[in-house]
């Protein structure tokens, strides 16, 4: 078991501060320790993730370690990163909690999610990437024949009105997405 003051944790902190990605640090450490889980725990603790939470995340993939052999530490660490093991939870303030609840309401009204999309959305919630979720849901919309469109768009409008309108990514700004949501809502009600 690795503790918060161990040499592996300190080494991980230094590498992360220097700009190394968590999966890179994990792979490097795993190549040197007999139990790869010690590398995972060291990196997670260095990131500020509680050990119990790290172990919970690892338990969601039983037997994953047995799929990899010596020399495949990089692949193992990348699979862990893709699965969100190294995602640092963001503590949401009151406004952000309200936005997150509106986004969850939109998800419930959407009519289901594919497993890959669900994992991606869940990771965004953990990291507090609320504007990213908002823009993504705006692009995908409710599922035809399964969703509740008026409820979906109303929930997104409520979330979008609380987000920073200038926040942008490859899908555009929150303000642009909010305009789309409002138009879809009008179309549903009208």
C-alpha atoms as a PDB file:
ATOM      1  CA  UNK A   1       0.000   0.000   0.000  1.00  0.00           C
ATOM      2  CA  UNK A   2       1.236   3.488  -0.865  1.00  0.00           C
ATOM      3  CA  UNK A   3       0.745   6.347   1.586  1.00  0.00           C
ATOM      4  CA  UNK A   4       0.489  10.060   0.851  1.00  0.00           C
ATOM      5  CA  UNK A   5       4.102  10.772   1.888  1.00  0.00           C
ATOM      6  CA  UNK A   6       5.808   7.890   0.137  1.00  0.00           C
ATOM      7  CA  UNK A   7       8.697   8.341  -2.258  1.00  0.00           C
ATOM      8  CA  UNK A   8       6.491   7.167  -5.159  1.00  0.00           C
ATOM      9  CA  UNK A   9       3.884   9.819  -4.380  1.00  0.00           C
ATOM     10  CA  UNK A  10       6.529  12.527  -4.084  1.00  0.00           C
ATOM     11  CA  UNK A  11       8.142  11.438  -7.340  1.00  0.00           C
ATOM     12  CA  UNK A  12       4.719  11.495  -9.012  1.00  0.00           C
ATOM     13  CA  UNK A  13       4.049  15.022  -7.725  1.00  0.00           C
ATOM     14  CA  UNK A  14       7.354  16.227  -9.143  1.00  0.00           C
ATOM     15  CA  UNK A  15       6.729  14.665 -12.560  1.00  0.00           C
ATOM     16  CA  UNK A  16       3.172  16.036 -12.685  1.00  0.00           C
ATOM     17  CA  UNK A  17       4.367  19.526 -11.699  1.00  0.00           C
ATOM     18  CA  UNK A  18       6.897  19.275 -14.533  1.00  0.00           C
ATOM     19  CA  UNK A  19       4.016  18.750 -16.956  1.00  0.00           C
ATOM     20  CA  UNK A  20       3.981  14.973 -17.416  1.00  0.00           C
ATOM     21  CA  UNK A  21       0.564  13.421 -18.030  1.00  0.00           C
ATOM     22  CA  UNK A  22      -0.746  11.148 -15.240  1.00  0.00           C
ATOM     23  CA  UNK A  23      -0.763   8.093 -17.514  1.00  0.00           C
ATOM     24  CA  UNK A  24       2.868   8.742 -18.471  1.00  0.00           C
ATOM     25  CA  UNK A  25       3.941   8.939 -14.834  1.00  0.00           C
ATOM     26  CA  UNK A  26       1.935   5.820 -13.992  1.00  0.00           C
ATOM     27  CA  UNK A  27       3.555   3.857 -16.829  1.00  0.00           C
ATOM     28  CA  UNK A  28       7.042   4.954 -15.760  1.00  0.00           C
ATOM     29  CA  UNK A  29       6.448   3.912 -12.156  1.00  0.00           C
ATOM     30  CA  UNK A  30       4.712   0.657 -13.096  1.00  0.00           C
ATOM     31  CA  UNK A  31       7.838  -0.315 -15.014  1.00  0.00           C
ATOM     32  CA  UNK A  32       9.807  -0.126 -11.764  1.00  0.00           C
ATOM     33  CA  UNK A  33       7.490  -1.525  -9.066  1.00  0.00           C
ATOM     34  CA  UNK A  34       6.385  -5.135  -8.548  1.00  0.00           C
ATOM     35  CA  UNK A  35       2.716  -4.194  -8.002  1.00  0.00           C
ATOM     36  CA  UNK A  36       1.362  -1.865 -10.684  1.00  0.00           C
ATOM     37  CA  UNK A  37      -1.439  -0.795  -8.371  1.00  0.00           C
ATOM     38  CA  UNK A  38       1.230   1.005  -6.301  1.00  0.00           C
ATOM     39  CA  UNK A  39       2.013   3.157  -9.349  1.00  0.00           C
ATOM     40  CA  UNK A  40      -1.675   3.924  -9.883  1.00  0.00           C
ATOM     41  CA  UNK A  41      -2.161   4.834  -6.222  1.00  0.00           C
ATOM     42  CA  UNK A  42       0.969   7.008  -6.177  1.00  0.00           C
ATOM     43  CA  UNK A  43      -0.158   9.024  -9.189  1.00  0.00           C
ATOM     44  CA  UNK A  44      -3.737   9.333  -7.935  1.00  0.00           C
ATOM     45  CA  UNK A  45      -2.637  10.442  -4.476  1.00  0.00           C
ATOM     46  CA  UNK A  46      -0.240  12.950  -6.040  1.00  0.00           C
ATOM     47  CA  UNK A  47      -3.200  14.358  -7.974  1.00  0.00           C
ATOM     48  CA  UNK A  48      -5.167  14.696  -4.720  1.00  0.00           C
ATOM     49  CA  UNK A  49      -7.589  11.808  -5.252  1.00  0.00           C
ATOM     50  CA  UNK A  50      -8.438   9.866  -2.092  1.00  0.00           C
ATOM     51  CA  UNK A  51      -7.116   6.301  -1.933  1.00  0.00           C
ATOM     52  CA  UNK A  52     -10.591   4.862  -1.285  1.00  0.00           C
ATOM     53  CA  UNK A  53     -11.874   6.584  -4.423  1.00  0.00           C
ATOM     54  CA  UNK A  54      -8.922   5.305  -6.465  1.00  0.00           C
ATOM     55  CA  UNK A  55      -9.564   1.754  -5.280  1.00  0.00           C
ATOM     56  CA  UNK A  56     -13.264   2.117  -6.117  1.00  0.00           C
ATOM     57  CA  UNK A  57     -12.377   3.247  -9.631  1.00  0.00           C
ATOM     58  CA  UNK A  58      -9.956   0.352 -10.053  1.00  0.00           C
ATOM     59  CA  UNK A  59     -12.537  -2.150  -8.812  1.00  0.00           C
ATOM     60  CA  UNK A  60     -14.874  -1.184 -11.652  1.00  0.00           C
ATOM     61  CA  UNK A  61     -12.512  -3.051 -13.990  1.00  0.00           C
ATOM     62  CA  UNK A  62     -11.881  -6.393 -12.256  1.00  0.00           C
ATOM     63  CA  UNK A  63      -9.103  -8.376 -13.857  1.00  0.00           C
ATOM     64  CA  UNK A  64      -7.864  -5.478 -15.995  1.00  0.00           C
ATOM     65  CA  UNK A  65      -4.295  -5.780 -14.713  1.00  0.00           C
ATOM     66  CA  UNK A  66      -4.162  -9.455 -15.730  1.00  0.00           C
ATOM     67  CA  UNK A  67      -4.742  -8.427 -19.351  1.00  0.00           C
ATOM     68  CA  UNK A  68      -1.307  -6.761 -19.496  1.00  0.00           C
ATOM     69  CA  UNK A  69       2.218  -8.166 -19.340  1.00  0.00           C
ATOM     70  CA  UNK A  70       5.568  -6.698 -18.415  1.00  0.00           C
ATOM     71  CA  UNK A  71       6.492  -4.166 -21.080  1.00  0.00           C
ATOM     72  CA  UNK A  72       2.861  -3.092 -21.544  1.00  0.00           C
ATOM     73  CA  UNK A  73       2.812  -0.599 -18.681  1.00  0.00           C
ATOM     74  CA  UNK A  74       2.119   2.294 -21.073  1.00  0.00           C
ATOM     75  CA  UNK A  75      -0.943   0.574 -22.550  1.00  0.00           C
ATOM     76  CA  UNK A  76      -2.207  -0.293 -19.067  1.00  0.00           C
ATOM     77  CA  UNK A  77      -1.843   3.309 -17.889  1.00  0.00           C
ATOM     78  CA  UNK A  78      -3.575   4.637 -21.029  1.00  0.00           C
ATOM     79  CA  UNK A  79      -6.543   2.317 -20.478  1.00  0.00           C
ATOM     80  CA  UNK A  80      -6.791   3.613 -16.903  1.00  0.00           C
ATOM     81  CA  UNK A  81      -6.712   7.205 -18.162  1.00  0.00           C
ATOM     82  CA  UNK A  82      -9.425   6.498 -20.744  1.00  0.00           C
ATOM     83  CA  UNK A  83     -11.522   4.979 -17.967  1.00  0.00           C
ATOM     84  CA  UNK A  84     -11.197   8.123 -15.847  1.00  0.00           C
ATOM     85  CA  UNK A  85      -9.076   6.671 -13.041  1.00  0.00           C
ATOM     86  CA  UNK A  86      -6.923   9.825 -12.932  1.00  0.00           C
ATOM     87  CA  UNK A  87      -9.787  12.332 -13.221  1.00  0.00           C
ATOM     88  CA  UNK A  88      -9.562  14.851 -10.389  1.00  0.00           C
ATOM     89  CA  UNK A  89     -13.009  15.619  -8.999  1.00  0.00           C
ATOM     90  CA  UNK A  90     -13.951  19.295  -8.987  1.00  0.00           C
ATOM     91  CA  UNK A  91     -15.932  20.618  -6.049  1.00  0.00           C
ATOM     92  CA  UNK A  92     -18.845  22.548  -7.513  1.00  0.00           C
ATOM     93  CA  UNK A  93     -20.022  25.804  -6.000  1.00  0.00           C
ATOM     94  CA  UNK A  94     -23.736  26.500  -5.517  1.00  0.00           C
ATOM     95  CA  UNK A  95     -24.301  27.916  -9.011  1.00  0.00           C
ATOM     96  CA  UNK A  96     -22.437  25.024 -10.596  1.00  0.00           C
ATOM     97  CA  UNK A  97     -24.495  22.517  -8.610  1.00  0.00           C
ATOM     98  CA  UNK A  98     -27.688  24.058 -10.001  1.00  0.00           C
ATOM     99  CA  UNK A  99     -26.261  23.905 -13.541  1.00  0.00           C
ATOM    100  CA  UNK A 100     -25.276  20.258 -13.018  1.00  0.00           C
ATOM    101  CA  UNK A 101     -28.794  19.400 -11.867  1.00  0.00           C
ATOM    102  CA  UNK A 102     -30.315  21.039 -14.968  1.00  0.00           C
ATOM    103  CA  UNK A 103     -27.885  19.056 -17.126  1.00  0.00           C
ATOM    104  CA  UNK A 104     -28.806  15.819 -15.330  1.00  0.00           C
ATOM    105  CA  UNK A 105     -32.487  16.627 -15.931  1.00  0.00           C
ATOM    106  CA  UNK A 106     -31.702  17.060 -19.634  1.00  0.00           C
ATOM    107  CA  UNK A 107     -29.912  13.706 -19.631  1.00  0.00           C
ATOM    108  CA  UNK A 108     -32.934  12.016 -18.059  1.00  0.00           C
ATOM    109  CA  UNK A 109     -35.190  13.628 -20.683  1.00  0.00           C
ATOM    110  CA  UNK A 110     -32.854  12.691 -23.541  1.00  0.00           C
ATOM    111  CA  UNK A 111     -34.125   9.118 -23.709  1.00  0.00           C
ATOM    112  CA  UNK A 112     -30.897   7.221 -23.034  1.00  0.00           C
ATOM    113  CA  UNK A 113     -27.214   7.336 -23.851  1.00  0.00           C
ATOM    114  CA  UNK A 114     -24.778   5.002 -25.541  1.00  0.00           C
ATOM    115  CA  UNK A 115     -22.231   3.524 -23.129  1.00  0.00           C
ATOM    116  CA  UNK A 116     -19.262   5.417 -24.573  1.00  0.00           C
ATOM    117  CA  UNK A 117     -21.125   8.716 -24.520  1.00  0.00           C
ATOM    118  CA  UNK A 118     -22.314   7.984 -20.979  1.00  0.00           C
ATOM    119  CA  UNK A 119     -18.728   7.416 -19.791  1.00  0.00           C
ATOM    120  CA  UNK A 120     -17.588  10.634 -21.459  1.00  0.00           C
ATOM    121  CA  UNK A 121     -20.403  12.646 -19.879  1.00  0.00           C
ATOM    122  CA  UNK A 122     -19.774  11.112 -16.448  1.00  0.00           C
ATOM    123  CA  UNK A 123     -16.092  12.047 -16.674  1.00  0.00           C
ATOM    124  CA  UNK A 124     -17.067  15.631 -17.549  1.00  0.00           C
ATOM    125  CA  UNK A 125     -19.335  15.792 -14.481  1.00  0.00           C
ATOM    126  CA  UNK A 126     -16.491  14.552 -12.253  1.00  0.00           C
ATOM    127  CA  UNK A 127     -14.120  17.181 -13.663  1.00  0.00           C
ATOM    128  CA  UNK A 128     -16.739  19.945 -13.512  1.00  0.00           C
ATOM    129  CA  UNK A 129     -16.743  20.522 -17.283  1.00  0.00           C
ATOM    130  CA  UNK A 130     -20.342  21.716 -17.315  1.00  0.00           C
ATOM    131  CA  UNK A 131     -20.132  23.964 -20.385  1.00  0.00           C
ATOM    132  CA  UNK A 132     -18.666  21.064 -22.347  1.00  0.00           C
ATOM    133  CA  UNK A 133     -21.611  18.837 -21.346  1.00  0.00           C
ATOM    134  CA  UNK A 134     -24.036  21.610 -22.281  1.00  0.00           C
ATOM    135  CA  UNK A 135     -22.554  22.095 -25.755  1.00  0.00           C
ATOM    136  CA  UNK A 136     -22.387  18.350 -26.327  1.00  0.00           C
ATOM    137  CA  UNK A 137     -26.016  17.782 -25.376  1.00  0.00           C
ATOM    138  CA  UNK A 138     -27.037  20.682 -27.593  1.00  0.00           C
ATOM    139  CA  UNK A 139     -25.358  18.960 -30.550  1.00  0.00           C
ATOM    140  CA  UNK A 140     -26.873  15.541 -29.871  1.00  0.00           C
ATOM    141  CA  UNK A 141     -30.374  16.595 -28.847  1.00  0.00           C
ATOM    142  CA  UNK A 142     -33.026  14.241 -27.492  1.00  0.00           C
ATOM    143  CA  UNK A 143     -33.351  10.743 -28.924  1.00  0.00           C
ATOM    144  CA  UNK A 144     -36.094  10.463 -31.498  1.00  0.00           C
ATOM    145  CA  UNK A 145     -39.039   8.438 -30.241  1.00  0.00           C
ATOM    146  CA  UNK A 146     -37.504   7.905 -26.802  1.00  0.00           C
ATOM    147  CA  UNK A 147     -36.795  11.360 -25.417  1.00  0.00           C
ATOM    148  CA  UNK A 148     -38.975  14.114 -24.027  1.00  0.00           C
ATOM    149  CA  UNK A 149     -37.912  17.028 -26.271  1.00  0.00           C
ATOM    150  CA  UNK A 150     -39.653  19.922 -24.498  1.00  0.00           C
ATOM    151  CA  UNK A 151     -38.273  18.868 -21.111  1.00  0.00           C
ATOM    152  CA  UNK A 152     -34.823  18.247 -22.626  1.00  0.00           C
ATOM    153  CA  UNK A 153     -34.581  21.682 -24.264  1.00  0.00           C
ATOM    154  CA  UNK A 154     -36.088  23.503 -21.252  1.00  0.00           C
ATOM    155  CA  UNK A 155     -33.483  21.912 -18.973  1.00  0.00           C
ATOM    156  CA  UNK A 156     -30.690  22.928 -21.338  1.00  0.00           C
ATOM    157  CA  UNK A 157     -31.993  26.493 -21.580  1.00  0.00           C
ATOM    158  CA  UNK A 158     -32.027  26.690 -17.768  1.00  0.00           C
ATOM    159  CA  UNK A 159     -28.434  25.389 -17.604  1.00  0.00           C
ATOM    160  CA  UNK A 160     -27.212  27.593 -20.442  1.00  0.00           C
ATOM    161  CA  UNK A 161     -28.581  30.748 -18.852  1.00  0.00           C
ATOM    162  CA  UNK A 162     -26.332  30.130 -15.834  1.00  0.00           C
ATOM    163  CA  UNK A 163     -23.161  29.316 -17.801  1.00  0.00           C
ATOM    164  CA  UNK A 164     -20.534  31.788 -19.012  1.00  0.00           C
ATOM    165  CA  UNK A 165     -21.811  32.811 -22.489  1.00  0.00           C
ATOM    166  CA  UNK A 166     -18.282  33.292 -23.856  1.00  0.00           C
ATOM    167  CA  UNK A 167     -17.044  29.818 -22.877  1.00  0.00           C
ATOM    168  CA  UNK A 168     -16.161  28.138 -26.178  1.00  0.00           C
ATOM    169  CA  UNK A 169     -14.767  24.968 -27.726  1.00  0.00           C
ATOM    170  CA  UNK A 170     -14.832  23.402 -31.193  1.00  0.00           C
ATOM    171  CA  UNK A 171     -18.633  23.324 -30.993  1.00  0.00           C
ATOM    172  CA  UNK A 172     -18.860  27.109 -30.558  1.00  0.00           C
ATOM    173  CA  UNK A 173     -19.735  29.297 -27.622  1.00  0.00           C
ATOM    174  CA  UNK A 174     -22.244  28.681 -24.883  1.00  0.00           C
ATOM    175  CA  UNK A 175     -24.166  31.715 -26.184  1.00  0.00           C
ATOM    176  CA  UNK A 176     -24.491  30.126 -29.640  1.00  0.00           C
ATOM    177  CA  UNK A 177     -25.604  26.799 -28.159  1.00  0.00           C
ATOM    178  CA  UNK A 178     -28.079  28.580 -25.874  1.00  0.00           C
ATOM    179  CA  UNK A 179     -29.659  30.322 -28.880  1.00  0.00           C
ATOM    180  CA  UNK A 180     -30.078  26.902 -30.542  1.00  0.00           C
ATOM    181  CA  UNK A 181     -31.642  25.445 -27.392  1.00  0.00           C
ATOM    182  CA  UNK A 182     -34.100  28.316 -27.131  1.00  0.00           C
ATOM    183  CA  UNK A 183     -35.133  27.850 -30.783  1.00  0.00           C
ATOM    184  CA  UNK A 184     -35.620  24.107 -30.299  1.00  0.00           C
ATOM    185  CA  UNK A 185     -37.719  24.788 -27.205  1.00  0.00           C
ATOM    186  CA  UNK A 186     -39.895  27.244 -29.111  1.00  0.00           C
ATOM    187  CA  UNK A 187     -40.316  24.641 -31.884  1.00  0.00           C
ATOM    188  CA  UNK A 188     -41.399  22.016 -29.325  1.00  0.00           C
ATOM    189  CA  UNK A 189     -43.892  24.265 -27.580  1.00  0.00           C
ATOM    190  CA  UNK A 190     -45.095  26.199 -30.629  1.00  0.00           C
END
